[in-house]
């Protein structure tokens, strides 16, 4: 079973950018869809973006408003989330997750994802 390890989070100021990474170990992303979610303190986990490991299809939550970009690097077996113009309200644990590539559910359906990483903390503060 593939394991997921997120990295790239940290403490940044408003307006800064971060590139988060989700690396697969013990397997590859070849049979999965990969999603990024975030969970702020006291709030439910919410969908950010998703990507198919093969092909070009991507999907973004409307609330992200173009500030987040998901991408992948097959050679490095890694999925990235570029987060730009970060705001205070972006402070959250960002998690990546995978689900079977043949899943019939919407990309945003968090319950359809079967394997989750531990997450990486993003803190936006002045």
Protein backbone atom coordinates (compact mmCIF):
# COMPACT_ATOMS: atom_id res chain seq x y z
CA UNK A 1 0.00 0.00 0.00
CA UNK A 2 1.31 3.41 -0.95
CA UNK A 3 2.22 5.83 1.84
CA UNK A 4 2.00 9.60 1.48
CA UNK A 5 4.35 12.16 2.96
CA UNK A 6 3.60 15.87 2.71
CA UNK A 7 6.22 18.57 3.05
CA UNK A 8 6.81 22.21 2.26
CA UNK A 9 4.64 23.86 4.86
CA UNK A 10 5.84 26.48 7.28
CA UNK A 11 5.36 29.93 8.70
CA UNK A 12 4.91 32.64 6.08
CA UNK A 13 3.67 36.20 5.88
CA UNK A 14 0.53 37.30 4.05
CA UNK A 15 1.16 37.47 0.33
CA UNK A 16 3.90 34.85 0.37
CA UNK A 17 3.84 31.65 -1.63
CA UNK A 18 4.56 28.03 -0.83
CA UNK A 19 4.94 24.88 -2.84
CA UNK A 20 3.70 21.86 -0.98
CA UNK A 21 4.81 18.39 -1.95
CA UNK A 22 3.13 15.03 -1.63
CA UNK A 23 5.55 12.18 -2.19
CA UNK A 24 4.58 8.56 -2.52
CA UNK A 25 6.61 5.87 -0.83
CA UNK A 26 6.18 2.14 -0.99
CA UNK A 27 4.38 2.55 -4.28
CA UNK A 28 3.49 5.02 -7.01
CA UNK A 29 0.56 7.23 -7.95
CA UNK A 30 0.00 5.32 -11.17
CA UNK A 31 -3.28 3.75 -10.07
CA UNK A 32 -4.72 6.73 -8.19
CA UNK A 33 -6.30 10.13 -8.28
CA UNK A 34 -4.50 12.51 -5.92
CA UNK A 35 -6.22 15.24 -3.96
CA UNK A 36 -5.18 18.08 -1.69
CA UNK A 37 -7.33 19.03 1.27
CA UNK A 38 -6.94 21.44 4.13
CA UNK A 39 -8.29 21.56 7.65
CA UNK A 40 -8.21 24.64 9.82
CA UNK A 41 -8.63 24.43 13.60
CA UNK A 42 -12.26 23.86 14.50
CA UNK A 43 -13.34 23.46 10.88
CA UNK A 44 -14.16 20.52 8.67
CA UNK A 45 -11.69 19.22 6.16
CA UNK A 46 -12.25 20.88 2.81
CA UNK A 47 -11.24 20.07 -0.73
CA UNK A 48 -8.61 22.18 -2.47
CA UNK A 49 -7.59 20.45 -5.70
CA UNK A 50 -7.15 17.09 -7.37
CA UNK A 51 -5.27 15.62 -10.29
CA UNK A 52 -5.18 12.41 -12.23
CA UNK A 53 -1.79 10.72 -12.23
CA UNK A 54 -2.08 10.19 -15.96
CA UNK A 55 -3.54 12.67 -18.39
CA UNK A 56 -4.13 16.37 -17.84
CA UNK A 57 -7.37 16.53 -15.86
CA UNK A 58 -7.40 18.74 -12.79
CA UNK A 59 -10.16 20.04 -10.55
CA UNK A 60 -10.26 22.93 -8.11
CA UNK A 61 -12.65 23.96 -5.40
CA UNK A 62 -14.42 27.15 -6.40
CA UNK A 63 -13.46 28.75 -3.10
CA UNK A 64 -9.75 28.58 -3.96
CA UNK A 65 -10.26 31.35 -6.56
CA UNK A 66 -7.23 30.60 -8.67
CA UNK A 67 -4.58 30.94 -5.95
CA UNK A 68 -3.81 27.22 -5.88
CA UNK A 69 -2.33 25.10 -8.64
CA UNK A 70 -1.91 21.35 -8.53
CA UNK A 71 0.70 19.60 -10.63
CA UNK A 72 2.67 16.40 -10.77
CA UNK A 73 6.14 15.15 -11.59
CA UNK A 74 6.00 11.54 -12.67
CA UNK A 75 9.77 11.09 -12.52
CA UNK A 76 9.85 12.18 -8.88
CA UNK A 77 6.61 10.39 -8.00
CA UNK A 78 5.42 13.61 -6.42
CA UNK A 79 2.34 15.80 -6.58
CA UNK A 80 2.64 19.50 -5.81
CA UNK A 81 0.32 22.22 -4.63
CA UNK A 82 1.48 25.72 -5.45
CA UNK A 83 -0.15 28.17 -3.07
CA UNK A 84 0.14 31.85 -3.96
CA UNK A 85 -0.82 35.08 -2.24
CA UNK A 86 -1.45 33.31 1.02
CA UNK A 87 -3.89 34.84 3.46
CA UNK A 88 -4.49 34.52 7.19
CA UNK A 89 -7.49 32.32 6.50
CA UNK A 90 -5.30 29.84 4.62
CA UNK A 91 -3.75 28.74 7.91
CA UNK A 92 -4.45 25.03 8.10
CA UNK A 93 -3.02 21.57 7.95
CA UNK A 94 -2.76 20.65 4.29
CA UNK A 95 -3.13 16.98 3.53
CA UNK A 96 -2.82 14.92 0.41
CA UNK A 97 -4.82 11.81 -0.23
CA UNK A 98 -5.40 9.22 -2.91
CA UNK A 99 -8.30 7.18 -4.16
CA UNK A 100 -8.59 4.49 -6.83
CA UNK A 101 -8.35 5.95 -10.31
CA UNK A 102 -11.67 4.41 -11.24
CA UNK A 103 -13.61 6.12 -8.45
CA UNK A 104 -17.05 7.26 -9.66
CA UNK A 105 -17.32 10.04 -7.06
CA UNK A 106 -16.61 13.72 -7.46
CA UNK A 107 -13.02 14.78 -6.88
CA UNK A 108 -14.20 16.89 -3.97
CA UNK A 109 -15.77 13.97 -2.11
CA UNK A 110 -13.34 13.57 0.75
CA UNK A 111 -14.87 10.29 1.88
CA UNK A 112 -13.91 8.71 -1.43
CA UNK A 113 -10.21 9.04 -0.66
CA UNK A 114 -8.80 5.95 0.99
CA UNK A 115 -5.21 6.79 1.93
CA UNK A 116 -4.15 9.99 3.67
CA UNK A 117 -0.86 11.56 4.62
CA UNK A 118 -0.19 13.10 8.01
CA UNK A 119 -0.33 16.63 6.63
CA UNK A 120 1.93 19.66 6.61
CA UNK A 121 1.18 22.79 8.59
CA UNK A 122 0.80 26.10 6.80
CA UNK A 123 0.68 29.13 9.06
CA UNK A 124 0.14 32.59 7.64
CA UNK A 125 0.93 35.32 10.12
CA UNK A 126 2.29 38.84 10.10
